[in-house]
Amino acid sequence: MLKAFMLVLVLLSFFYARDYFQRHRQVQSEFYILALFAAIGMMVLISAHSLLTVYLGLELLSLSLYAMVAMERDSVAASEAAMKYFVLGALASGMLLYGMSMLYGVSGTLDLAMLSDHVTDDRSHMLFTFGLVFVLIGIAFKLGVAPFHMWVPDVYQGASTP
């Protein structure tokens, strides 16, 4: 159900983007394929059963969005926003991978169901807690959740509307 709703939203954004590109006399045919890759990344992310597929889905989504922010090649603001987004996204990916490696080191698995069983154990390890904190910080940076949202206004200002 969630995947169907997401596809409807992507198609709706295609209609609005087409109108925007026609009004501004821009030909941005790569927007559609990048938006489809972002939608595929979201679908992989919401259907993940492993930390590895969570990371792959999140990175597919992020890489598509980096390119979409930088689509206006002549705009200095778009280039600056894309570079800021890319650098902070790389920092967030590093934190996310470091946290995932800590979780794997303590639990010996990347499966989300087994990790949730490990959380409920009474003998939880301190490294497991640090791993969870790093994973949450990495995801919060990627999604722009407060207090890790300092890059969001700059990126939104530099990116084109679609």
N, C-alpha and C. Protein backbone atom coordinates (compact mmCIF):
# COMPACT_ATOMS: atom_id res chain seq x y z
N MET A 1 0.82 -1.20 0.00
CA MET A 1 0.00 0.00 0.00
C MET A 1 0.87 1.26 0.00
N LEU A 2 1.91 1.25 0.82
CA LEU A 2 2.80 2.41 0.90
C LEU A 2 3.55 2.61 -0.41
N LYS A 3 3.94 1.52 -1.06
CA LYS A 3 4.66 1.63 -2.33
C LYS A 3 3.76 2.22 -3.41
N ALA A 4 2.50 1.81 -3.44
CA ALA A 4 1.56 2.35 -4.43
C ALA A 4 1.34 3.84 -4.19
N PHE A 5 1.20 4.23 -2.94
CA PHE A 5 1.02 5.64 -2.61
C PHE A 5 2.24 6.45 -3.04
N MET A 6 3.43 5.89 -2.83
CA MET A 6 4.65 6.58 -3.20
C MET A 6 4.75 6.74 -4.72
N LEU A 7 4.36 5.73 -5.46
CA LEU A 7 4.39 5.83 -6.92
C LEU A 7 3.41 6.88 -7.43
N VAL A 8 2.26 6.98 -6.79
CA VAL A 8 1.29 8.01 -7.18
C VAL A 8 1.90 9.40 -6.93
N LEU A 9 2.58 9.57 -5.82
CA LEU A 9 3.22 10.86 -5.53
C LEU A 9 4.32 11.18 -6.55
N VAL A 10 5.09 10.18 -6.95
CA VAL A 10 6.14 10.40 -7.94
C VAL A 10 5.52 10.81 -9.27
N LEU A 11 4.48 10.13 -9.69
CA LEU A 11 3.82 10.49 -10.95
C LEU A 11 3.20 11.87 -10.88
N LEU A 12 2.64 12.23 -9.75
CA LEU A 12 2.08 13.56 -9.58
C LEU A 12 3.18 14.62 -9.66
N SER A 13 4.34 14.33 -9.08
CA SER A 13 5.45 15.28 -9.18
C SER A 13 5.96 15.39 -10.61
N PHE A 14 5.85 14.32 -11.40
CA PHE A 14 6.23 14.39 -12.82
C PHE A 14 5.36 15.38 -13.57
N PHE A 15 4.07 15.38 -13.29
CA PHE A 15 3.17 16.31 -13.97
C PHE A 15 3.49 17.75 -13.61
N TYR A 16 3.74 18.02 -12.34
CA TYR A 16 4.10 19.37 -11.92
C TYR A 16 5.46 19.77 -12.47
N ALA A 17 6.40 18.87 -12.52
CA ALA A 17 7.73 19.17 -13.03
C ALA A 17 7.68 19.50 -14.51
N ARG A 18 6.87 18.78 -15.24
CA ARG A 18 6.75 19.04 -16.70
C ARG A 18 6.26 20.46 -16.94
N ASP A 19 5.27 20.88 -16.18
CA ASP A 19 4.74 22.23 -16.31
C ASP A 19 5.81 23.26 -15.92
N TYR A 20 6.56 22.99 -14.85
CA TYR A 20 7.61 23.91 -14.42
C TYR A 20 8.69 24.05 -15.48
N PHE A 21 9.13 22.94 -16.05
CA PHE A 21 10.18 22.99 -17.05
C PHE A 21 9.71 23.69 -18.32
N GLN A 22 8.44 23.54 -18.69
CA GLN A 22 7.92 24.24 -19.86
C GLN A 22 7.83 25.74 -19.62
N ARG A 23 7.39 26.14 -18.42
CA ARG A 23 7.29 27.58 -18.11
C ARG A 23 8.65 28.25 -18.06
N HIS A 24 9.66 27.55 -17.60
CA HIS A 24 11.00 28.14 -17.50
C HIS A 24 11.87 27.83 -18.71
N ARG A 25 11.29 27.19 -19.70
CA ARG A 25 11.98 26.86 -20.96
C ARG A 25 13.28 26.10 -20.71
N GLN A 26 13.18 25.12 -19.87
CA GLN A 26 14.32 24.25 -19.58
C GLN A 26 13.99 22.85 -20.06
N VAL A 27 14.98 22.19 -20.61
CA VAL A 27 14.81 20.79 -21.00
C VAL A 27 15.61 19.97 -19.98
N GLN A 28 14.90 19.28 -19.13
CA GLN A 28 15.54 18.51 -18.07
C GLN A 28 15.05 17.07 -18.14
N SER A 29 15.42 16.39 -19.20
CA SER A 29 14.94 15.02 -19.37
C SER A 29 15.55 14.06 -18.35
N GLU A 30 16.72 14.39 -17.80
CA GLU A 30 17.33 13.50 -16.81
C GLU A 30 16.60 13.55 -15.47
N PHE A 31 15.76 14.56 -15.27
CA PHE A 31 15.01 14.66 -14.02
C PHE A 31 14.15 13.43 -13.80
N TYR A 32 13.51 12.94 -14.86
CA TYR A 32 12.57 11.84 -14.72
C TYR A 32 13.27 10.53 -14.35
N ILE A 33 14.40 10.25 -14.95
CA ILE A 33 15.11 9.01 -14.62
C ILE A 33 15.71 9.11 -13.21
N LEU A 34 16.18 10.29 -12.83
CA LEU A 34 16.71 10.46 -11.47
C LEU A 34 15.60 10.32 -10.43
N ALA A 35 14.42 10.84 -10.74
CA ALA A 35 13.29 10.70 -9.82
C ALA A 35 12.86 9.24 -9.71
N LEU A 36 12.93 8.51 -10.80
CA LEU A 36 12.60 7.08 -10.74
C LEU A 36 13.62 6.30 -9.91
N PHE A 37 14.90 6.64 -10.07
CA PHE A 37 15.92 5.99 -9.24
C PHE A 37 15.73 6.34 -7.77
N ALA A 38 15.34 7.59 -7.49
CA ALA A 38 15.06 7.96 -6.09
C ALA A 38 13.88 7.17 -5.55
N ALA A 39 12.87 6.98 -6.37
CA ALA A 39 11.70 6.19 -5.94
C ALA A 39 12.09 4.73 -5.71
N ILE A 40 12.95 4.19 -6.56
CA ILE A 40 13.43 2.82 -6.35
C ILE A 40 14.22 2.73 -5.05
N GLY A 41 15.05 3.74 -4.78
CA GLY A 41 15.79 3.78 -3.52
C GLY A 41 14.86 3.81 -2.32
N MET A 42 13.76 4.59 -2.42
CA MET A 42 12.79 4.62 -1.33
C MET A 42 12.12 3.28 -1.15
N MET A 43 11.81 2.61 -2.25
CA MET A 43 11.16 1.30 -2.15
C MET A 43 12.08 0.26 -1.54
N VAL A 44 13.36 0.29 -1.93
CA VAL A 44 14.33 -0.62 -1.33
C VAL A 44 14.47 -0.32 0.17
N LEU A 45 14.45 0.96 0.51
CA LEU A 45 14.60 1.36 1.91
C LEU A 45 13.43 0.89 2.76
N ILE A 46 12.21 1.02 2.27
CA ILE A 46 11.07 0.64 3.10
C ILE A 46 10.82 -0.86 3.13
N SER A 47 11.42 -1.59 2.22
CA SER A 47 11.23 -3.04 2.22
C SER A 47 12.47 -3.78 2.69
N ALA A 48 13.37 -3.09 3.36
CA ALA A 48 14.64 -3.68 3.79
C ALA A 48 14.45 -4.58 5.00
N HIS A 49 15.19 -5.70 5.00
CA HIS A 49 15.22 -6.61 6.13
C HIS A 49 16.63 -6.73 6.70
N SER A 50 17.55 -5.95 6.15
CA SER A 50 18.94 -6.02 6.55
C SER A 50 19.51 -4.60 6.58
N LEU A 51 20.52 -4.40 7.40
CA LEU A 51 21.18 -3.09 7.42
C LEU A 51 21.85 -2.78 6.09
N LEU A 52 22.30 -3.81 5.40
CA LEU A 52 22.93 -3.61 4.10
C LEU A 52 21.94 -3.04 3.08
N THR A 53 20.73 -3.58 3.05
CA THR A 53 19.73 -3.07 2.10
C THR A 53 19.21 -1.69 2.55
N VAL A 54 19.21 -1.42 3.85
CA VAL A 54 18.86 -0.07 4.32
C VAL A 54 19.88 0.92 3.76
N TYR A 55 21.15 0.58 3.86
CA TYR A 55 22.20 1.47 3.36
C TYR A 55 22.12 1.63 1.84
N LEU A 56 21.93 0.54 1.13
CA LEU A 56 21.86 0.63 -0.33
C LEU A 56 20.67 1.46 -0.79
N GLY A 57 19.52 1.28 -0.17
CA GLY A 57 18.35 2.07 -0.52
C GLY A 57 18.54 3.54 -0.20
N LEU A 58 19.12 3.82 0.95
CA LEU A 58 19.34 5.21 1.34
C LEU A 58 20.35 5.89 0.43
N GLU A 59 21.39 5.18 0.03
CA GLU A 59 22.38 5.77 -0.87
C GLU A 59 21.86 5.94 -2.29
N LEU A 60 21.05 5.02 -2.77
CA LEU A 60 20.45 5.19 -4.09
C LEU A 60 19.54 6.41 -4.09
N LEU A 61 18.78 6.59 -3.05
CA LEU A 61 17.94 7.77 -2.90
C LEU A 61 18.79 9.04 -2.83
N SER A 62 19.83 9.02 -2.03
CA SER A 62 20.66 10.20 -1.82
C SER A 62 21.42 10.60 -3.08
N LEU A 63 22.01 9.64 -3.76
CA LEU A 63 22.78 9.97 -4.96
C LEU A 63 21.89 10.56 -6.04
N SER A 64 20.67 10.07 -6.16
CA SER A 64 19.74 10.65 -7.12
C SER A 64 19.38 12.07 -6.74
N LEU A 65 19.19 12.31 -5.46
CA LEU A 65 18.85 13.66 -5.01
C LEU A 65 20.01 14.63 -5.15
N TYR A 66 21.26 14.16 -4.97
CA TYR A 66 22.42 15.04 -5.19
C TYR A 66 22.41 15.54 -6.63
N ALA A 67 22.18 14.65 -7.56
CA ALA A 67 22.18 15.04 -8.97
C ALA A 67 20.99 15.94 -9.30
N MET A 68 19.85 15.69 -8.67
CA MET A 68 18.68 16.52 -8.95
C MET A 68 18.86 17.94 -8.41
N VAL A 69 19.56 18.09 -7.31
CA VAL A 69 19.80 19.43 -6.78
C VAL A 69 20.71 20.21 -7.72
N ALA A 70 21.66 19.55 -8.34
CA ALA A 70 22.63 20.22 -9.21
C ALA A 70 22.19 20.28 -10.67
N MET A 71 20.93 20.06 -10.97
CA MET A 71 20.49 20.01 -12.37
C MET A 71 20.61 21.36 -13.09
N GLU A 72 20.42 22.46 -12.41
CA GLU A 72 20.59 23.76 -13.04
C GLU A 72 22.08 24.06 -13.11
N ARG A 73 22.67 23.77 -14.24
CA ARG A 73 24.13 23.83 -14.37
C ARG A 73 24.67 25.25 -14.34
N ASP A 74 23.88 26.23 -14.74
CA ASP A 74 24.35 27.60 -14.80
C ASP A 74 24.17 28.36 -13.49
N SER A 75 23.49 27.76 -12.54
CA SER A 75 23.21 28.43 -11.28
C SER A 75 24.31 28.16 -10.26
N VAL A 76 24.86 29.24 -9.73
CA VAL A 76 25.89 29.12 -8.69
C VAL A 76 25.26 28.59 -7.40
N ALA A 77 24.04 29.02 -7.12
CA ALA A 77 23.36 28.58 -5.89
C ALA A 77 23.09 27.08 -5.94
N ALA A 78 22.71 26.56 -7.10
CA ALA A 78 22.46 25.12 -7.22
C ALA A 78 23.74 24.31 -7.06
N SER A 79 24.83 24.81 -7.61
CA SER A 79 26.11 24.11 -7.47
C SER A 79 26.58 24.11 -6.02
N GLU A 80 26.43 25.25 -5.35
CA GLU A 80 26.81 25.33 -3.95
C GLU A 80 25.94 24.42 -3.09
N ALA A 81 24.66 24.41 -3.37
CA ALA A 81 23.74 23.56 -2.60
C ALA A 81 24.06 22.09 -2.81
N ALA A 82 24.36 21.70 -4.04
CA ALA A 82 24.67 20.31 -4.33
C ALA A 82 25.97 19.89 -3.65
N MET A 83 26.97 20.75 -3.66
CA MET A 83 28.23 20.41 -2.99
C MET A 83 28.05 20.29 -1.48
N LYS A 84 27.28 21.21 -0.90
CA LYS A 84 27.02 21.14 0.54
C LYS A 84 26.26 19.87 0.88
N TYR A 85 25.28 19.55 0.07
CA TYR A 85 24.48 18.34 0.28
C TYR A 85 25.34 17.10 0.15
N PHE A 86 26.24 17.08 -0.84
CA PHE A 86 27.10 15.92 -1.06
C PHE A 86 28.09 15.73 0.10
N VAL A 87 28.71 16.81 0.54
CA VAL A 87 29.71 16.70 1.61
C VAL A 87 29.05 16.26 2.92
N LEU A 88 27.93 16.87 3.26
CA LEU A 88 27.25 16.46 4.49
C LEU A 88 26.65 15.07 4.36
N GLY A 89 26.23 14.68 3.15
CA GLY A 89 25.74 13.33 2.92
C GLY A 89 26.85 12.30 3.06
N ALA A 90 28.05 12.65 2.62
CA ALA A 90 29.19 11.74 2.79
C ALA A 90 29.54 11.59 4.27
N LEU A 91 29.47 12.67 5.03
CA LEU A 91 29.70 12.61 6.47
C LEU A 91 28.65 11.72 7.14
N ALA A 92 27.40 11.89 6.74
CA ALA A 92 26.32 11.08 7.31
C ALA A 92 26.49 9.61 6.93
N SER A 93 26.91 9.34 5.71
CA SER A 93 27.14 7.95 5.29
C SER A 93 28.26 7.32 6.09
N GLY A 94 29.30 8.09 6.37
CA GLY A 94 30.39 7.57 7.19
C GLY A 94 29.93 7.21 8.59
N MET A 95 29.12 8.08 9.19
CA MET A 95 28.60 7.78 10.52
C MET A 95 27.68 6.57 10.50
N LEU A 96 26.85 6.50 9.48
CA LEU A 96 25.92 5.38 9.35
C LEU A 96 26.67 4.06 9.21
N LEU A 97 27.67 4.04 8.34
CA LEU A 97 28.45 2.80 8.15
C LEU A 97 29.25 2.44 9.40
N TYR A 98 29.78 3.44 10.09
CA TYR A 98 30.52 3.17 11.32
C TYR A 98 29.60 2.56 12.38
N GLY A 99 28.41 3.10 12.51
CA GLY A 99 27.45 2.55 13.45
C GLY A 99 27.02 1.14 13.06
N MET A 100 26.80 0.91 11.77
CA MET A 100 26.42 -0.43 11.32
C MET A 100 27.54 -1.43 11.57
N SER A 101 28.78 -0.99 11.41
CA SER A 101 29.90 -1.91 11.67
C SER A 101 29.99 -2.24 13.15
N MET A 102 29.69 -1.28 14.02
CA MET A 102 29.67 -1.56 15.46
C MET A 102 28.55 -2.55 15.80
N LEU A 103 27.38 -2.35 15.21
CA LEU A 103 26.27 -3.26 15.46
C LEU A 103 26.61 -4.67 14.98
N TYR A 104 27.24 -4.76 13.82
CA TYR A 104 27.63 -6.08 13.32
C TYR A 104 28.71 -6.71 14.20
N GLY A 105 29.63 -5.91 14.66
CA GLY A 105 30.69 -6.43 15.51
C GLY A 105 30.18 -7.01 16.82
N VAL A 106 29.15 -6.41 17.38
CA VAL A 106 28.62 -6.88 18.66
C VAL A 106 27.66 -8.05 18.45
N SER A 107 26.77 -7.92 17.46
CA SER A 107 25.71 -8.93 17.31
C SER A 107 26.06 -10.05 16.34
N GLY A 108 26.94 -9.79 15.39
CA GLY A 108 27.30 -10.82 14.42
C GLY A 108 26.30 -10.99 13.29
N THR A 109 25.36 -10.05 13.16
CA THR A 109 24.36 -10.15 12.11
C THR A 109 23.99 -8.75 11.61
N LEU A 110 23.50 -8.70 10.39
CA LEU A 110 22.98 -7.46 9.82
C LEU A 110 21.46 -7.49 9.70
N ASP A 111 20.84 -8.61 10.05
CA ASP A 111 19.40 -8.77 9.94
C ASP A 111 18.69 -7.90 10.97
N LEU A 112 17.71 -7.14 10.55
CA LEU A 112 17.02 -6.22 11.45
C LEU A 112 16.22 -6.95 12.52
N ALA A 113 15.63 -8.09 12.18
CA ALA A 113 14.86 -8.85 13.18
C ALA A 113 15.76 -9.38 14.28
N MET A 114 16.93 -9.89 13.91
CA MET A 114 17.86 -10.39 14.92
C MET A 114 18.44 -9.25 15.76
N LEU A 115 18.64 -8.09 15.12
CA LEU A 115 19.13 -6.94 15.89
C LEU A 115 18.08 -6.46 16.88
N SER A 116 16.81 -6.52 16.51
CA SER A 116 15.77 -6.12 17.45
C SER A 116 15.69 -7.09 18.63
N ASP A 117 15.97 -8.38 18.37
CA ASP A 117 16.04 -9.33 19.48
C ASP A 117 17.20 -9.02 20.41
N HIS A 118 18.30 -8.54 19.82
CA HIS A 118 19.47 -8.21 20.61
C HIS A 118 19.21 -6.98 21.47
N VAL A 119 18.37 -6.07 21.02
CA VAL A 119 18.05 -4.86 21.79
C VAL A 119 17.29 -5.23 23.05
N THR A 120 16.42 -6.23 22.95
CA THR A 120 15.60 -6.61 24.11
C THR A 120 16.34 -7.48 25.11
N ASP A 121 17.53 -7.96 24.76
CA ASP A 121 18.33 -8.74 25.71
C ASP A 121 18.75 -7.88 26.90
N ASP A 122 18.86 -8.50 28.04
CA ASP A 122 19.32 -7.79 29.24
C ASP A 122 20.83 -7.59 29.22
N ARG A 123 21.54 -8.38 28.47
CA ARG A 123 22.99 -8.30 28.45
C ARG A 123 23.49 -7.43 27.29
N SER A 124 22.80 -6.33 27.04
CA SER A 124 23.17 -5.44 25.95
C SER A 124 24.55 -4.84 26.20
N HIS A 125 25.33 -4.75 25.18
CA HIS A 125 26.71 -4.28 25.23
C HIS A 125 26.74 -2.77 25.00
N MET A 126 27.69 -2.07 25.62
CA MET A 126 27.82 -0.62 25.47
C MET A 126 28.13 -0.26 24.02
N LEU A 127 28.93 -1.09 23.33
CA LEU A 127 29.26 -0.84 21.93
C LEU A 127 28.00 -0.91 21.06
N PHE A 128 27.06 -1.76 21.42
CA PHE A 128 25.79 -1.85 20.70
C PHE A 128 25.03 -0.53 20.81
N THR A 129 25.05 0.06 22.00
CA THR A 129 24.38 1.35 22.20
C THR A 129 25.05 2.44 21.37
N PHE A 130 26.37 2.46 21.35
CA PHE A 130 27.08 3.43 20.54
C PHE A 130 26.78 3.22 19.05
N GLY A 131 26.70 1.98 18.63
CA GLY A 131 26.35 1.69 17.24
C GLY A 131 24.97 2.21 16.89
N LEU A 132 24.01 2.00 17.76
CA LEU A 132 22.65 2.52 17.52
C LEU A 132 22.65 4.04 17.45
N VAL A 133 23.43 4.68 18.32
CA VAL A 133 23.49 6.14 18.31
C VAL A 133 24.08 6.64 16.99
N PHE A 134 25.16 6.01 16.51
CA PHE A 134 25.75 6.42 15.25
C PHE A 134 24.81 6.18 14.08
N VAL A 135 24.09 5.07 14.07
CA VAL A 135 23.12 4.80 13.00
C VAL A 135 22.01 5.84 13.02
N LEU A 136 21.50 6.15 14.20
CA LEU A 136 20.43 7.16 14.29
C LEU A 136 20.92 8.54 13.88
N ILE A 137 22.14 8.90 14.24
CA ILE A 137 22.68 10.20 13.83
C ILE A 137 22.87 10.24 12.31
N GLY A 138 23.37 9.15 11.73
CA GLY A 138 23.55 9.11 10.28
C GLY A 138 22.23 9.22 9.54
N ILE A 139 21.22 8.53 10.01
CA ILE A 139 19.91 8.60 9.35
C ILE A 139 19.29 9.98 9.56
N ALA A 140 19.47 10.56 10.76
CA ALA A 140 18.93 11.89 11.02
C ALA A 140 19.59 12.94 10.13
N PHE A 141 20.91 12.82 9.91
CA PHE A 141 21.59 13.72 8.98
C PHE A 141 21.05 13.56 7.57
N LYS A 142 20.90 12.32 7.12
CA LYS A 142 20.42 12.07 5.76
C LYS A 142 19.02 12.61 5.54
N LEU A 143 18.16 12.48 6.55
CA LEU A 143 16.77 12.90 6.40
C LEU A 143 16.53 14.35 6.80
N GLY A 144 17.52 15.00 7.38
CA GLY A 144 17.37 16.39 7.77
C GLY A 144 16.52 16.58 9.01
N VAL A 145 16.60 15.65 9.94
CA VAL A 145 15.84 15.71 11.18
C VAL A 145 16.57 16.62 12.17
N ALA A 146 15.81 17.44 12.90
CA ALA A 146 16.42 18.32 13.89
C ALA A 146 17.08 17.48 14.97
N PRO A 147 18.22 17.85 15.43
CA PRO A 147 19.03 19.04 15.29
C PRO A 147 20.07 18.95 14.17
N PHE A 148 19.94 18.01 13.27
CA PHE A 148 20.91 17.82 12.19
C PHE A 148 20.38 18.37 10.87
N HIS A 149 19.65 19.46 10.91
CA HIS A 149 18.97 19.98 9.73
C HIS A 149 19.57 21.29 9.22
N MET A 150 20.79 21.62 9.62
CA MET A 150 21.34 22.91 9.25
C MET A 150 21.59 23.05 7.74
N TRP A 151 21.68 21.96 7.02
CA TRP A 151 21.94 22.02 5.59
C TRP A 151 20.66 22.13 4.77
N VAL A 152 19.53 21.82 5.34
CA VAL A 152 18.28 21.73 4.59
C VAL A 152 17.86 23.06 3.95
N PRO A 153 17.85 24.20 4.66
CA PRO A 153 17.43 25.45 4.00
C PRO A 153 18.32 25.86 2.84
N ASP A 154 19.63 25.65 2.98
CA ASP A 154 20.54 26.01 1.89
C ASP A 154 20.31 25.15 0.65
N VAL A 155 20.09 23.88 0.86
CA VAL A 155 19.87 22.99 -0.27
C VAL A 155 18.53 23.28 -0.93
N TYR A 156 17.50 23.52 -0.15
CA TYR A 156 16.20 23.85 -0.72
C TYR A 156 16.23 25.18 -1.47
N GLN A 157 17.00 26.14 -0.99
CA GLN A 157 17.10 27.42 -1.66
C GLN A 157 17.82 27.31 -2.99
N GLY A 158 18.84 26.45 -3.06
CA GLY A 158 19.62 26.34 -4.28
C GLY A 158 19.00 25.41 -5.32
N ALA A 159 18.15 24.48 -4.90
CA ALA A 159 17.58 23.51 -5.83
C ALA A 159 16.40 24.13 -6.59
N SER A 160 16.16 23.59 -7.78
CA SER A 160 14.98 24.04 -8.52
C SER A 160 13.72 23.45 -7.89
N THR A 161 12.58 24.00 -8.22
CA THR A 161 11.34 23.64 -7.56
C THR A 161 10.96 22.17 -7.69
N PRO A 162 11.02 21.57 -8.87
CA PRO A 162 10.63 20.15 -8.95
C PRO A 162 11.53 19.24 -8.14
